[in-house]
């Protein structure tokens, strides 16, 4: 006959290891849940209160002559916002040959803008340095 093992009397020797592990998991889960909730709340407040942004991208640029470059930028902004984008051209040696702040005050949310930059020497490439909103 096989001897059957008897269980220990309940409550006599304290909590079992499983109960302690369950308690630790509940505490860790509660802390992680609170952190996640705080993160989602912070992201929601940031999204609601952030100032509107202007997104732009240089589509293409072409050196037309030794004194001019033509660039096309694609712009996304708020319909009633005014913005300024800065374009810069550089020569073959890396020196800056042109810089232009382009005002963007169209009442559109998405459009392309063709710009001509006057240069002091032949340009090798043109960069879109960035865009920002301006006060009305």
Protein backbone atom coordinates (compact mmCIF):
# COMPACT_ATOMS: atom_id res chain seq x y z
CA UNK A 1 0.00 0.00 0.00
CA UNK A 2 1.22 3.38 -0.87
CA UNK A 3 1.27 5.86 1.93
CA UNK A 4 -0.68 8.98 1.24
CA UNK A 5 0.85 12.22 2.35
CA UNK A 6 -1.30 14.34 4.56
CA UNK A 7 -1.59 18.06 4.05
CA UNK A 8 -0.37 20.39 6.75
CA UNK A 9 -3.04 21.85 8.99
CA UNK A 10 -4.30 25.16 7.58
CA UNK A 11 -3.29 28.33 9.39
CA UNK A 12 -0.78 26.57 11.61
CA UNK A 13 2.46 27.41 9.81
CA UNK A 14 1.71 30.86 8.25
CA UNK A 15 0.96 31.68 4.64
CA UNK A 16 2.11 29.43 1.87
CA UNK A 17 4.68 30.51 -0.69
CA UNK A 18 1.97 30.76 -3.35
CA UNK A 19 0.00 33.27 -1.30
CA UNK A 20 3.10 35.44 -0.79
CA UNK A 21 3.90 35.31 -4.52
CA UNK A 22 0.30 36.24 -5.39
CA UNK A 23 0.47 39.24 -3.07
CA UNK A 24 3.74 40.47 -4.62
CA UNK A 25 2.29 40.09 -8.12
CA UNK A 26 -0.78 42.09 -7.12
CA UNK A 27 1.40 44.90 -5.73
CA UNK A 28 3.64 44.98 -8.82
CA UNK A 29 0.58 44.92 -11.11
CA UNK A 30 -1.03 47.78 -9.18
CA UNK A 31 2.12 49.93 -9.37
CA UNK A 32 2.59 49.25 -13.10
CA UNK A 33 -1.09 50.01 -13.73
CA UNK A 34 -0.80 53.33 -11.89
CA UNK A 35 2.32 54.25 -13.88
CA UNK A 36 0.60 53.38 -17.15
CA UNK A 37 -2.45 55.42 -16.20
CA UNK A 38 -0.26 58.42 -15.30
CA UNK A 39 1.60 58.10 -18.62
CA UNK A 40 -1.61 58.00 -20.65
CA UNK A 41 -2.93 61.01 -18.72
CA UNK A 42 0.25 62.98 -19.33
CA UNK A 43 0.16 62.15 -23.05
CA UNK A 44 -3.48 63.24 -23.28
CA UNK A 45 -2.79 66.56 -21.57
CA UNK A 46 0.27 67.13 -23.76
CA UNK A 47 -1.73 66.37 -26.92
CA UNK A 48 -4.56 68.71 -25.96
CA UNK A 49 -2.42 71.63 -24.77
CA UNK A 50 0.44 71.49 -27.25
CA UNK A 51 0.84 74.41 -29.58
CA UNK A 52 0.09 73.72 -33.17
CA UNK A 53 3.01 72.64 -35.28
CA UNK A 54 4.04 73.25 -38.84
CA UNK A 55 5.34 70.26 -40.76
CA UNK A 56 7.20 70.83 -43.99
CA UNK A 57 9.34 68.80 -46.33
CA UNK A 58 11.68 69.81 -49.12
CA UNK A 59 10.34 67.97 -52.16
CA UNK A 60 13.03 69.00 -54.62
CA UNK A 61 15.54 71.69 -55.39
CA UNK A 62 17.29 72.56 -58.61
CA UNK A 63 20.19 74.89 -59.25
CA UNK A 64 18.98 77.13 -62.05
CA UNK A 65 22.14 79.20 -62.53
CA UNK A 66 25.16 80.51 -60.65
CA UNK A 67 22.87 82.99 -58.87
CA UNK A 68 19.60 81.13 -58.24
CA UNK A 69 18.09 77.92 -56.90
CA UNK A 70 14.50 76.85 -57.20
CA UNK A 71 12.98 74.74 -54.39
CA UNK A 72 9.59 73.15 -53.81
CA UNK A 73 8.39 72.54 -50.26
CA UNK A 74 5.31 70.68 -49.06
CA UNK A 75 3.66 72.26 -46.02
CA UNK A 76 1.10 71.02 -43.48
CA UNK A 77 -0.19 73.54 -40.96
CA UNK A 78 -3.37 74.75 -39.34
CA UNK A 79 -5.76 76.51 -41.68
CA UNK A 80 -5.68 79.82 -39.83
CA UNK A 81 -2.01 79.73 -38.86
CA UNK A 82 0.83 81.75 -40.29
CA UNK A 83 4.24 80.14 -40.50
CA UNK A 84 7.79 80.77 -41.65
CA UNK A 85 10.14 78.14 -43.11
CA UNK A 86 13.88 78.69 -43.49
CA UNK A 87 15.70 77.43 -46.58
CA UNK A 88 19.48 77.40 -46.94
CA UNK A 89 21.73 76.67 -49.92
CA UNK A 90 25.37 75.67 -49.76
CA UNK A 91 28.18 75.77 -52.27
CA UNK A 92 30.48 72.89 -53.23
CA UNK A 93 32.95 73.83 -50.49
CA UNK A 94 30.17 73.77 -47.85
CA UNK A 95 29.88 77.51 -47.39
CA UNK A 96 26.43 79.07 -47.20
CA UNK A 97 25.49 80.92 -50.39
CA UNK A 98 21.84 81.66 -49.62
CA UNK A 99 19.37 81.76 -46.74
CA UNK A 100 15.71 82.66 -47.07
CA UNK A 101 12.82 82.83 -44.59
CA UNK A 102 9.69 81.94 -46.56
CA UNK A 103 6.42 83.33 -45.12
CA UNK A 104 3.52 80.88 -45.41
CA UNK A 105 0.19 82.55 -44.76
CA UNK A 106 -2.16 80.65 -47.03
CA UNK A 107 -5.50 79.67 -45.55
CA UNK A 108 -4.90 76.02 -46.44
CA UNK A 109 -3.85 73.03 -44.37
CA UNK A 110 -1.79 71.20 -47.00
CA UNK A 111 -0.09 72.78 -50.00
CA UNK A 112 3.16 73.03 -51.95
CA UNK A 113 5.13 76.21 -52.35
CA UNK A 114 7.71 76.98 -55.06
CA UNK A 115 10.47 79.31 -53.94
CA UNK A 116 13.40 80.91 -55.75
CA UNK A 117 16.53 81.61 -53.72
CA UNK A 118 19.10 84.14 -54.91
CA UNK A 119 22.61 82.85 -54.29
CA UNK A 120 26.04 84.48 -54.04
CA UNK A 121 27.72 81.52 -55.82
CA UNK A 122 26.68 78.29 -57.53
CA UNK A 123 24.77 76.12 -55.06
CA UNK A 124 25.41 72.41 -54.64
CA UNK A 125 22.39 71.57 -52.47
CA UNK A 126 19.54 73.19 -50.57
CA UNK A 127 18.23 72.30 -47.09
CA UNK A 128 15.00 73.01 -45.29
CA UNK A 129 16.27 74.06 -41.88
CA UNK A 130 12.88 74.14 -40.20
CA UNK A 131 9.52 75.81 -39.82
CA UNK A 132 7.77 77.62 -37.03
CA UNK A 133 4.47 79.33 -36.44
CA UNK A 134 4.34 83.11 -36.10
CA UNK A 135 1.86 85.25 -34.25
CA UNK A 136 -0.87 86.89 -36.35
